[in-house]
Structures are given as C-alpha cells and as structure tokens.
Protein backbone atom coordinates (compact mmCIF):
# COMPACT_ATOMS: atom_id res chain seq x y z
CA MET A 1 10.81 -18.93 6.58
CA ILE A 2 13.52 -20.02 8.98
CA ALA A 3 13.59 -23.82 9.15
CA LEU A 4 11.28 -25.28 11.83
CA SER A 5 10.21 -28.85 12.47
CA LEU A 6 6.56 -29.79 12.34
CA ALA A 7 6.77 -30.75 16.00
CA GLU A 8 8.06 -27.28 16.92
CA ILE A 9 5.40 -25.58 14.83
CA ALA A 10 2.68 -27.66 16.48
CA ALA A 11 3.96 -26.66 19.92
CA VAL A 12 4.15 -22.97 18.98
CA VAL A 13 0.59 -22.83 17.59
CA GLY A 14 -0.97 -25.18 20.15
CA GLY A 15 -1.97 -27.68 17.49
CA GLN A 16 -2.23 -31.46 17.14
CA THR A 17 -0.35 -33.38 14.46
CA HIS A 18 -2.37 -35.65 12.16
CA ASP A 19 -1.07 -38.14 9.58
CA ILE A 20 2.53 -36.97 10.13
CA PRO A 21 4.87 -40.00 10.14
CA ASP A 22 7.92 -37.99 11.21
CA PRO A 23 7.31 -34.78 13.24
CA SER A 24 11.02 -33.90 12.95
CA VAL A 25 10.57 -33.11 9.25
CA GLN A 26 11.24 -29.41 8.71
CA VAL A 27 9.39 -26.67 6.89
CA THR A 28 12.11 -25.02 4.81
CA GLY A 29 9.99 -23.16 2.26
CA PRO A 30 7.40 -20.40 2.46
CA VAL A 31 4.10 -20.39 4.32
CA VAL A 32 1.37 -19.90 1.71
CA ARG A 33 -2.42 -19.55 1.68
CA ASP A 34 -2.85 -19.93 -2.10
CA SER A 35 -2.59 -23.58 -3.14
CA ARG A 36 -1.03 -22.53 -6.45
CA GLU A 37 1.98 -21.15 -4.54
CA ALA A 38 2.77 -24.45 -2.79
CA GLU A 39 6.30 -25.70 -3.43
CA PRO A 40 8.69 -28.26 -1.97
CA GLY A 41 9.25 -27.58 1.73
CA SER A 42 6.32 -25.19 2.15
CA LEU A 43 3.51 -25.06 4.72
CA PHE A 44 -0.03 -24.46 3.43
CA ALA A 45 -2.45 -22.46 5.62
CA ALA A 46 -5.98 -23.63 4.84
CA PHE A 47 -8.51 -20.83 5.27
CA VAL A 48 -12.24 -21.17 4.80
CA GLY A 49 -13.35 -18.33 2.55
CA GLU A 50 -16.73 -17.13 1.36
CA HIS A 51 -16.53 -19.16 -1.84
CA VAL A 52 -13.51 -21.48 -1.45
CA ASP A 53 -12.40 -23.79 1.37
CA GLY A 54 -8.62 -24.20 1.46
CA HIS A 55 -8.99 -27.63 3.09
CA ASP A 56 -10.29 -28.94 -0.25
CA PHE A 57 -6.82 -28.38 -1.74
CA ALA A 58 -4.86 -30.20 0.96
CA ALA A 59 -4.00 -33.26 -1.11
CA ALA A 60 -2.97 -31.11 -4.08
CA VAL A 61 -0.55 -28.96 -2.08
CA VAL A 62 1.12 -31.98 -0.50
CA GLU A 63 1.48 -33.50 -3.95
CA ALA A 64 3.13 -30.23 -5.03
CA GLY A 65 5.70 -30.62 -2.25
CA ALA A 66 4.17 -28.93 0.79
CA VAL A 67 5.39 -30.57 4.01
CA ALA A 68 2.04 -30.20 5.76
CA VAL A 69 -1.20 -28.25 6.05
CA LEU A 70 -2.08 -25.86 8.86
CA ALA A 71 -5.78 -26.72 9.17
CA SER A 72 -8.84 -26.49 11.37
CA ARG A 73 -9.76 -30.15 10.77
CA PRO A 74 -8.01 -33.35 9.66
CA VAL A 75 -7.58 -33.48 5.89
CA GLY A 76 -6.18 -36.95 5.20
CA VAL A 77 -2.64 -35.71 4.58
CA PRO A 78 0.06 -34.46 6.98
CA ALA A 79 -1.52 -31.63 8.97
CA ILE A 80 -1.26 -29.56 12.13
CA VAL A 81 -4.82 -29.10 13.31
CA VAL A 82 -5.66 -25.98 15.32
CA ALA A 83 -8.79 -24.32 16.64
CA ASP A 84 -8.31 -21.24 14.44
CA VAL A 85 -5.90 -21.02 11.51
CA ARG A 86 -5.66 -17.22 11.62
CA THR A 87 -4.72 -17.19 15.29
CA ALA A 88 -2.22 -19.98 14.74
CA LEU A 89 -0.62 -18.14 11.82
CA GLY A 90 -0.16 -15.08 14.03
CA ALA A 91 1.41 -17.15 16.81
CA LEU A 92 3.83 -18.72 14.34
CA ALA A 93 4.79 -15.27 13.00
CA ARG A 94 5.39 -13.97 16.52
CA HIS A 95 7.67 -16.96 17.24
CA VAL A 96 9.67 -16.54 14.04
CA VAL A 97 10.08 -12.78 14.40
CA ALA A 98 11.41 -13.25 17.94
CA ARG A 99 14.11 -15.52 16.57
CA LEU A 100 15.16 -13.21 13.75
CA GLY A 101 17.97 -10.72 14.07
CA ALA A 102 16.17 -8.32 11.72
CA THR A 103 15.13 -4.75 12.53
CA LEU A 104 11.36 -4.59 12.20
CA VAL A 105 9.90 -1.39 10.73
CA ALA A 106 6.11 -0.92 10.75
CA LEU A 107 4.22 1.86 9.00
CA THR A 108 0.63 3.04 8.84
CA GLY A 109 -1.40 6.02 7.66
CA SER A 110 -4.61 6.93 5.89
CA ALA A 111 -2.98 7.39 2.49
CA GLY A 112 0.29 6.50 0.83
CA LYS A 113 1.12 3.41 2.93
CA THR A 114 1.89 1.10 0.04
CA SER A 115 3.79 3.65 -2.03
CA THR A 116 5.90 4.65 0.99
CA LYS A 117 6.50 1.02 1.95
CA ASP A 118 7.70 0.30 -1.60
CA LEU A 119 10.02 3.33 -1.51
CA LEU A 120 11.44 2.42 1.89
CA ALA A 121 12.06 -1.18 0.86
CA GLN A 122 13.93 -0.08 -2.26
CA VAL A 123 16.08 2.30 -0.22
CA LEU A 124 16.88 -0.18 2.57
CA ARG A 125 17.72 -3.08 0.31
CA ASN A 126 20.61 -1.00 -1.01
CA LYS A 127 22.04 -1.37 2.49
CA ALA A 128 21.12 -4.93 3.48
CA PRO A 129 18.71 -7.81 2.67
CA THR A 130 15.17 -6.54 3.12
CA VAL A 131 11.78 -8.30 3.23
CA PHE A 132 8.64 -6.20 2.86
CA THR A 133 4.88 -6.45 2.49
CA PRO A 134 3.89 -7.37 -1.08
CA GLY A 135 1.16 -5.12 -2.43
CA SER A 136 -1.30 -4.20 0.32
CA LEU A 137 -1.30 -7.43 2.33
CA ASN A 138 -1.44 -5.45 5.56
CA ASN A 139 -4.09 -7.25 7.63
CA GLU A 140 -4.15 -10.04 10.23
CA ILE A 141 -3.44 -12.64 7.52
CA GLY A 142 -1.19 -10.80 5.08
CA LEU A 143 1.09 -9.37 7.76
CA PRO A 144 2.02 -12.74 9.36
CA LEU A 145 2.58 -14.25 5.92
CA THR A 146 5.04 -11.47 5.10
CA ALA A 147 6.84 -11.85 8.43
CA LEU A 148 7.13 -15.59 7.85
CA SER A 149 8.87 -15.00 4.52
CA ALA A 150 11.91 -13.54 6.33
CA THR A 151 15.03 -15.71 6.70
CA GLU A 152 18.22 -15.69 8.74
CA GLU A 153 19.75 -13.37 6.12
CA THR A 154 17.02 -10.73 6.49
CA LYS A 155 18.28 -7.53 8.13
CA PHE A 156 15.24 -5.29 7.64
CA LEU A 157 11.61 -6.39 7.81
CA VAL A 158 9.24 -3.66 6.57
CA LEU A 159 5.59 -4.26 7.39
CA GLU A 160 2.62 -2.19 6.30
CA MET A 161 -0.21 -2.15 8.86
CA GLY A 162 -3.80 -1.35 7.98
CA ALA A 163 -6.69 -0.66 10.35
CA ARG A 164 -10.46 -0.60 10.07
CA GLY A 165 -11.10 0.05 13.73
CA ILE A 166 -9.66 0.73 17.17
CA GLY A 167 -7.44 -2.13 18.33
CA HIS A 168 -6.49 -3.48 14.90
CA ILE A 169 -2.96 -2.06 14.88
CA ARG A 170 -2.50 -3.00 18.52
CA TYR A 171 -3.25 -6.60 17.50
CA LEU A 172 -0.82 -6.50 14.57
CA THR A 173 2.01 -5.01 16.64
CA GLY A 174 1.45 -7.79 19.14
CA LEU A 175 2.20 -10.31 16.39
CA THR A 176 5.21 -8.47 15.00
CA PRO A 177 6.58 -5.98 17.57
CA PRO A 178 8.29 -3.13 15.69
CA LYS A 179 11.45 -1.29 16.66
CA VAL A 180 10.74 1.61 14.28
CA GLY A 181 7.20 2.92 13.78
CA LEU A 182 6.27 5.31 10.95
CA VAL A 183 2.94 7.19 10.84
CA LEU A 184 2.31 9.01 7.56
CA ASN A 185 -0.95 10.92 7.99
CA VAL A 186 -4.47 10.94 9.36
CA GLY A 187 -7.00 11.47 6.59
CA THR A 188 -10.55 10.48 5.75
CA ALA A 189 -10.02 6.96 4.37
CA HIS A 190 -12.52 4.61 6.10
CA ILE A 191 -13.96 7.57 8.02
CA GLY A 192 -17.40 5.99 7.68
CA GLU A 193 -16.19 3.01 9.71
CA PHE A 194 -14.18 4.97 12.30
CA GLY A 195 -16.63 7.82 12.84
CA GLY A 196 -14.17 10.74 12.59
CA ARG A 197 -10.55 11.77 12.12
CA GLU A 198 -9.90 11.80 15.87
CA GLN A 199 -10.88 8.13 16.03
CA ILE A 200 -8.63 7.40 13.05
CA ALA A 201 -5.76 9.13 14.86
CA GLN A 202 -6.47 7.06 17.96
CA ALA A 203 -6.21 3.86 15.91
CA LYS A 204 -3.09 4.86 13.96
CA GLY A 205 -1.34 5.99 17.12
CA GLU A 206 -1.47 2.47 18.51
CA LEU A 207 1.65 1.89 16.45
CA VAL A 208 3.81 4.37 18.38
CA GLU A 209 2.38 3.13 21.68
CA ALA A 210 3.75 -0.33 20.85
CA LEU A 211 7.33 0.85 20.33
CA PRO A 212 10.10 0.17 22.86
CA ALA A 213 11.51 3.10 24.82
CA ALA A 214 14.26 5.23 23.30
CA ALA A 215 16.80 3.62 25.63
CA ASP A 216 15.89 0.27 24.08
CA GLY A 217 16.19 1.47 20.50
CA GLY A 218 12.59 2.44 19.81
CA THR A 219 12.04 5.19 17.22
CA ALA A 220 8.79 6.88 16.18
CA VAL A 221 8.94 8.62 12.80
CA LEU A 222 6.12 11.17 12.55
CA ASN A 223 4.81 13.60 9.94
CA ALA A 224 5.59 17.13 11.13
CA ASP A 225 3.08 18.56 8.63
CA ASP A 226 0.07 16.67 10.04
CA PRO A 227 -1.02 18.00 13.46
CA LEU A 228 -2.83 14.79 14.42
CA VAL A 229 0.27 12.72 13.65
CA ARG A 230 2.67 15.13 15.29
CA ALA A 231 0.60 14.99 18.48
CA MET A 232 1.32 11.26 18.71
CA ALA A 233 4.76 12.12 20.10
CA SER A 234 3.08 12.33 23.52
CA ARG A 235 1.88 8.73 23.20
CA THR A 236 5.28 7.06 22.96
CA LYS A 237 8.44 6.60 25.02
CA ALA A 238 10.43 6.04 21.85
CA LYS A 239 12.78 8.55 20.26
CA VAL A 240 10.79 10.88 17.98
CA ILE A 241 11.96 11.89 14.51
CA LEU A 242 9.94 14.37 12.45
CA PHE A 243 9.77 14.47 8.65
CA GLY A 244 8.05 16.91 6.32
CA GLU A 245 8.41 20.29 4.67
CA SER A 246 8.16 22.13 8.00
CA GLY A 247 11.31 23.93 9.07
CA GLU A 248 11.11 22.02 12.36
CA ALA A 249 11.34 18.63 10.65
CA ASP A 250 14.52 16.61 11.20
CA VAL A 251 14.27 15.28 7.65
CA ARG A 252 12.79 17.79 5.24
CA ALA A 253 12.56 18.89 1.62
CA GLU A 254 13.50 22.24 0.16
CA ASN A 255 13.16 23.68 -3.35
CA VAL A 256 10.38 21.26 -4.24
CA ARG A 257 9.34 21.39 -7.88
CA LEU A 258 7.92 19.14 -10.57
CA THR A 259 9.75 18.32 -13.78
CA ASP A 260 7.99 18.93 -17.10
CA SER A 261 6.80 15.32 -16.97
CA GLY A 262 5.32 15.72 -13.47
CA GLN A 263 8.06 14.02 -11.45
CA PRO A 264 9.10 15.59 -8.12
CA SER A 265 12.55 17.03 -7.55
CA PHE A 266 13.83 18.47 -4.27
CA ARG A 267 16.78 18.99 -1.95
CA LEU A 268 16.77 16.36 0.81
CA HIS A 269 18.01 17.58 4.20
CA THR A 270 18.91 15.16 7.00
CA PRO A 271 20.71 15.68 10.33
CA SER A 272 23.92 14.42 8.71
CA GLY A 273 23.81 16.19 5.35
CA ALA A 274 21.85 17.08 2.24
CA SER A 275 21.54 15.75 -1.29
CA ASP A 276 19.38 16.27 -4.39
CA VAL A 277 16.57 13.91 -5.40
CA THR A 278 14.69 13.62 -8.69
CA MET A 279 12.14 10.84 -8.53
CA ARG A 280 10.89 8.48 -11.21
CA LEU A 281 7.42 8.49 -9.65
CA TYR A 282 4.74 10.99 -10.64
CA GLY A 283 3.06 13.62 -8.47
CA GLU A 284 4.14 16.04 -5.75
CA HIS A 285 2.46 13.87 -3.08
CA HIS A 286 5.40 11.46 -3.39
CA VAL A 287 7.66 14.07 -1.76
CA SER A 288 6.08 13.35 1.63
CA ASN A 289 6.33 9.60 0.99
CA ALA A 290 10.00 9.98 0.08
CA LEU A 291 10.74 12.05 3.19
CA ALA A 292 9.11 9.41 5.37
CA ALA A 293 11.26 6.70 3.80
CA ALA A 294 14.34 8.90 4.09
CA ALA A 295 13.74 9.54 7.79
CA VAL A 296 13.57 5.82 8.54
CA ALA A 297 16.58 5.03 6.37
CA HIS A 298 18.64 7.75 8.03
CA GLU A 299 17.80 6.37 11.47
CA LEU A 300 18.95 2.96 10.25
CA GLY A 301 22.36 4.25 9.26
CA MET A 302 22.17 5.47 5.67
CA SER A 303 23.70 8.76 4.55
CA ALA A 304 21.81 11.54 2.78
CA GLU A 305 23.65 10.77 -0.46
CA GLU A 306 22.88 7.04 -0.27
CA ILE A 307 19.22 7.77 0.42
CA ALA A 308 18.97 10.35 -2.38
CA ILE A 309 20.47 7.96 -4.93
CA ALA A 310 18.10 5.17 -3.91
CA LEU A 311 15.03 7.45 -3.96
CA SER A 312 15.99 8.72 -7.41
CA GLU A 313 16.24 5.15 -8.71
CA ALA A 314 13.09 3.79 -7.04
CA GLY A 315 10.13 2.79 -9.17
CA THR A 316 6.60 1.50 -8.69
CA LEU A 317 6.52 -2.02 -7.22
CA SER A 318 2.76 -2.44 -6.63
CA ARG A 319 0.23 -2.61 -9.45
CA TRP A 320 -2.24 0.10 -10.41
CA ARG A 321 -0.68 2.87 -8.34
CA MET A 322 0.17 5.82 -10.59
CA GLU A 323 1.25 3.22 -13.15
CA VAL A 324 2.20 5.36 -16.16
CA THR A 325 2.30 3.87 -19.66
CA GLU A 326 2.69 5.74 -22.93
CA ARG A 327 1.07 4.31 -26.03
CA PRO A 328 2.91 4.46 -29.38
CA ASP A 329 0.58 7.28 -30.48
CA GLY A 330 1.67 9.44 -27.54
CA VAL A 331 -1.42 8.88 -25.38
CA THR A 332 -0.39 8.46 -21.72
CA ILE A 333 -2.48 6.22 -19.47
CA VAL A 334 -2.13 6.70 -15.70
CA ASN A 335 -3.58 3.64 -13.96
CA ASP A 336 -4.12 4.59 -10.30
CA ALA A 337 -7.18 2.37 -9.93
CA TYR A 338 -6.10 0.21 -7.00
CA ASN A 339 -7.88 2.35 -4.43
CA ALA A 340 -9.09 5.86 -3.70
CA ASN A 341 -9.87 8.21 -0.84
CA PRO A 342 -10.24 12.00 -0.85
CA GLU A 343 -6.55 12.64 -0.14
CA SER A 344 -5.23 10.27 -2.79
CA MET A 345 -7.82 11.45 -5.30
CA ARG A 346 -6.72 15.06 -4.90
CA ALA A 347 -3.07 14.06 -5.18
CA ALA A 348 -3.74 12.09 -8.36
CA LEU A 349 -5.63 14.99 -9.96
CA ARG A 350 -2.79 17.39 -9.17
CA ALA A 351 -0.33 14.92 -10.68
CA LEU A 352 -2.51 14.70 -13.79
CA ALA A 353 -2.53 18.49 -14.09
CA ALA A 354 1.27 18.60 -13.79
CA MET A 355 1.77 15.85 -16.36
CA GLY A 356 -0.70 17.39 -18.77
CA LYS A 357 0.80 20.84 -19.26
CA GLY A 358 0.12 21.72 -22.88
CA ARG A 359 -1.86 18.48 -23.40
CA ARG A 360 -5.48 17.44 -23.08
CA THR A 361 -6.21 15.70 -19.79
CA TRP A 362 -8.88 13.15 -18.89
CA ALA A 363 -9.96 12.14 -15.39
CA VAL A 364 -11.91 8.87 -15.42
CA LEU A 365 -13.08 8.66 -11.80
CA GLY A 366 -15.36 6.45 -9.76
CA LYS A 367 -16.68 5.97 -6.25
CA MET A 368 -14.59 6.52 -3.12
CA ALA A 369 -15.87 3.93 -0.65
CA GLU A 370 -16.38 3.95 3.13
CA LEU A 371 -16.83 7.70 3.56
CA GLY A 372 -20.09 7.49 5.53
CA ASP A 373 -21.85 10.81 5.99
CA GLU A 374 -18.96 12.62 4.27
CA ALA A 375 -19.49 10.83 0.95
CA LEU A 376 -21.59 13.48 -0.82
CA ALA A 377 -19.37 16.41 0.23
CA GLU A 378 -16.13 14.61 -0.62
CA HIS A 379 -17.27 13.46 -4.07
CA ASP A 380 -18.61 16.94 -4.80
CA ALA A 381 -15.27 18.44 -3.75
CA VAL A 382 -13.29 16.14 -6.05
CA GLY A 383 -15.50 17.09 -8.99
CA ARG A 384 -14.94 20.77 -8.23
CA LEU A 385 -11.18 20.28 -7.93
CA ALA A 386 -11.04 18.68 -11.37
CA VAL A 387 -12.50 21.89 -12.80
CA ARG A 388 -10.18 24.16 -10.80
CA LEU A 389 -7.18 22.21 -12.11
CA ASN A 390 -8.45 22.69 -15.68
CA VAL A 391 -8.81 18.98 -16.36
CA SER A 392 -10.06 18.87 -19.94
CA LYS A 393 -12.69 16.21 -19.39
CA LEU A 394 -14.09 14.47 -16.31
CA VAL A 395 -15.73 11.08 -16.86
CA ALA A 396 -17.60 10.02 -13.71
CA VAL A 397 -18.25 6.28 -13.75
CA GLY A 398 -20.92 4.43 -11.78
CA GLY A 399 -24.01 5.23 -9.74
CA ARG A 400 -24.90 7.75 -7.06
CA GLU A 401 -21.35 8.70 -6.02
CA ALA A 402 -20.34 9.24 -9.64
CA SER A 403 -23.31 11.55 -10.12
CA TRP A 404 -22.04 13.59 -7.15
CA LEU A 405 -18.61 13.86 -8.83
CA GLN A 406 -20.22 15.13 -12.02
CA LEU A 407 -22.54 17.49 -10.14
CA GLY A 408 -19.59 19.02 -8.29
CA ALA A 409 -17.85 19.67 -11.60
CA TYR A 410 -21.03 21.14 -13.09
CA ASN A 411 -21.59 23.47 -10.14
CA GLU A 412 -17.97 24.63 -10.32
CA GLY A 413 -18.48 25.70 -13.94
CA SER A 414 -17.99 22.60 -16.07
CA TRP A 415 -20.41 23.18 -18.92
CA GLY A 416 -21.20 21.36 -22.12
CA GLU A 417 -19.13 18.23 -22.67
CA GLU A 418 -16.40 19.03 -20.13
CA SER A 419 -17.87 16.53 -17.65
CA VAL A 420 -20.06 13.51 -18.21
CA HIS A 421 -21.61 10.75 -16.11
CA VAL A 422 -21.58 7.22 -17.54
CA SER A 423 -23.08 4.05 -16.08
CA ASP A 424 -20.17 1.62 -16.07
CA ALA A 425 -16.59 0.86 -17.08
CA GLN A 426 -17.46 -0.28 -20.60
CA ALA A 427 -19.36 2.93 -21.27
CA ALA A 428 -16.31 4.87 -20.08
CA VAL A 429 -14.03 2.88 -22.39
CA ASP A 430 -16.33 3.47 -25.38
CA LEU A 431 -16.51 7.21 -24.68
CA VAL A 432 -12.79 7.75 -24.14
CA ARG A 433 -11.81 5.63 -27.14
CA SER A 434 -14.11 7.63 -29.39
CA GLU A 435 -12.60 10.98 -28.42
CA LEU A 436 -8.92 10.32 -27.56
CA ARG A 437 -6.31 12.20 -29.52
CA PRO A 438 -2.55 11.59 -29.74
CA GLY A 439 -0.79 13.22 -26.81
CA ASP A 440 -3.73 13.07 -24.37
CA VAL A 441 -3.18 12.07 -20.74
CA VAL A 442 -5.79 9.82 -19.08
CA LEU A 443 -6.02 9.24 -15.32
CA VAL A 444 -8.12 6.28 -14.12
CA LYS A 445 -8.92 6.16 -10.38
CA ALA A 446 -11.56 4.82 -7.98
CA SER A 447 -11.91 2.58 -4.97
CA ARG A 448 -10.89 -1.03 -5.53
CA SER A 449 -14.47 -2.31 -5.47
CA VAL A 450 -15.28 -0.33 -8.63
CA GLY A 451 -12.73 -2.22 -10.74
CA LEU A 452 -11.77 0.69 -12.98
CA GLU A 453 -8.41 -0.90 -13.76
CA SER A 454 -10.34 -2.57 -16.60
CA VAL A 455 -10.70 0.85 -18.23
CA ALA A 456 -6.95 1.43 -18.21
CA THR A 457 -6.32 -2.09 -19.49
CA ALA A 458 -8.81 -1.69 -22.32
CA LEU A 459 -7.27 1.61 -23.39
CA LEU A 460 -3.89 -0.09 -23.65
CA GLU A 461 -4.98 -3.25 -25.46
CA THR A 462 -4.56 -3.82 -29.17
CA GLY A 463 -7.94 -3.67 -30.88
CA ALA A 464 -9.32 -4.23 -34.32
CA GLU A 465 -9.86 -0.67 -35.47
CA GLY A 466 -6.84 1.48 -34.87
CA GLU A 467 -6.33 0.56 -31.24
CA VAL A 468 -2.72 0.46 -30.08
CA ALA A 469 -0.82 -1.47 -27.47
CA ALA A 470 1.24 -0.27 -24.54
CA ARG A 471 4.96 -0.44 -24.91
C-alpha cells in the first residue's frame, strides 16, 4: 500500500485511535486479514468470522511487526477502532485508489472471470507494473485488499468483480471506480440466487454503468458473441469495444483450432494489426478469454504482436483451474475442481475430449451449486454431453445432483460400466485407481463446496502399491 500515517487512516475510515503512542507512524506494508500474513509495517484488518475472531490475534500480529489493527473494539494494542471493519476497509481502498496514478480495469461475467483476469494481468505486466486480484478474491473484502496492495509504481490495477445479487457490482465500483470495464458473458452461474439470466445481465451491467464517459477515457469492452452482453452498450456513455469471433467484433479470432494436445491456436485480429497465438492453456473456451484480454490490452496501448506473444506465453496462475499434470506413467490429471457451472462444465468436457483423442478419458464430476429450479435439467444435460463427446467413463460423485448427472448419461445411451454413481470423493479415488491405465486422461470438476480437488490430489500422490507422483 502507499504509505499512510495512522492518523490519516483514522480520518479516512472515521475511526478512533486506541493505544497508539504516535499517530504519525506510517503503514508501509500490506493490509492483511490473515494474521499469518502480518509483517513489519502492515495493517491487520480484524474480521469476526463464523469460527474465528480476528481480534483474538491482535497481540500476535503486532508482535510480528504490524503497525496497528483495524478493529471493531479496543484490543489492547495499537488499533483504529471503527463501527464496521468491512465498511472501513472499503473507504480506505477508495481513498488509496483515488491517489494512485494507475489505470483501473474491472471485469465480471458468469464464467471465466478468474482465467481471463490471470491472462490479462500476464499480458499487461509485459507493458508496465500490474497488480491484480489473487485467485477469486472478488467480493467486498477481497477487492479492497487487492486495491490496497497497489503502490506508487503500479500502472495497471486489474480487479475481478463478483456478484450474487443486484447492486453488488455497483457497490464494488463505488469502492474502486474503473476506467475500463470488461463483461465476459451472462450464463447460469448463481441463477438460483438471481432468478433468471435477465436479472444476471442486469447485475453484470452495473459495471458498464459505472464507467466514465468516452470523453473522459471510459471504455466498455463487451462480448460480441453474447447478446445479453452486447446489449449493455446502451447502458454506458463509455467508448464500446467488441471482442469475439463475430465478424463485427473489433478484436476477433480467425482460423481457430486445437493442437493435438488440446491447446487453442488462432489468428488474432485487432484494429491495428494481426498476429498468431498458440496458447499454453487447454480448451477452446480460452479463445474467448484471450480475446477479452487482448481487447483490453489493445485499448491500453499494446500492439497485436505484443499481445500475441504474451498470450502465447501465459500460464495458469490460480489453482485448480484446468491444472494439467502428467504422471510418469503417462496418465494426465486435469484438476478443474475450483468451481463449476453449466457453461464451465461444458467447456471442460470439450477440452477433455480434445485432449483425449486416441486415449481413454475419464470425467469425475460433482454437483454444480446454486442452480435453483434449473438444477435437474442442467445436471442431466451435462451427463448427456459427456456421452455425446464419447467420454470413456463418467464418474458422478455425491448425492442427488450426481445421480442426475449419471441418469442423463444413462438416458443418452451410456450403458454398462460407461457411467457410474459413487457416494463420495474417496469412493471415486478407489474406483479410478483400480481401473486407470497408462495414457488415460482424467478430468476432475465440481463446485467448490464439493471439494473434489482431493480426488485429483490423491491420484497424483505417491502411494504404497504402484502409485506414482506428479512431476
């Protein structure tokens, strides 16, 4: 964070100083919410969680070097006491962002946010110092923490924004007002909470409504291939840039294909030129993510060749998202277990099919959460798609939703042992281990609450009887 005195921070957040001998002492390190991340010069934000109260760690963080604690009650060590720590954190982020000279880029969408954010960050940091959201810390706590990690040297601040209801993105853009807004897609993720795709579009479009006018440098980057996103052009006064495979897109892809290993390759076209891209990531769905990143990067002054080189070099930065590891025996494990919705599940299955040409393929799948009344139909459809893509074996893991996956596969023509329903992750591990052969490809994917990353981890661990380790 940029250096601020405790007195200035207290004034910004409307707090009272407690047990602070010298209010002119500055916070020169990061703002953290995990006591284990406290370091000399840092500020610790003490949140009260369901199981842990951050205030209990106040003395420990100060001993570790933290200058003070941002707290909701006195803690016996230097502290700035506020009515609400979350609100105070947002106010501090808003103050710091206003003082930065960085260009703030915000992005949202139903699927692909984190992968696109990681791509964009890797492209932009080839041009100038870039700070971006780690993992999926895209809510009212994670977003301010990311913004507060920027320094005077930061030129680009890339922030992922999530939403679980109308008004959420409007709140986040109020904390960190973007200059460039990117909307990827409107899908069915969290449709059970929103009530429908139109409501999701309403929420996602709050991002473009928050942008400055074109005359003031505002730019909305929209997916030309998604009608609900493209229609958001009418909701902003910012300049509109379209990306996608549509011929009307300003930044588009031509000659899209997958390599033999399932990695996308295409010709990138921008208003200032074209260049070839072959990605290190897996799956054709990354083409849209790459075009979105390219459109933003082009607007921020990068050439088609610079963008293509960066996209071709970019890797996976966030865990458990199409994380591909090959075992010494030739078995490939694809750990995409961080989260799942119908769009990302279909994309992952298509990537598995592309990677598995000439090889046996396994899809170890679990529940997709927060689908509301669409849950049965969507799980059934994923099971059917696995059969249509000729996945060798579907392993549906869990309870009711997993049974719907397996039933969809069965009704599509998956007979015998081609699809199976197991009760939990350990049962899935036991089954797959017993039948794996060298050269097989295994995809593991479900919503985060299912915890299927344990299946991928177990399949990569060294065991006692012929198990092998990941490279």
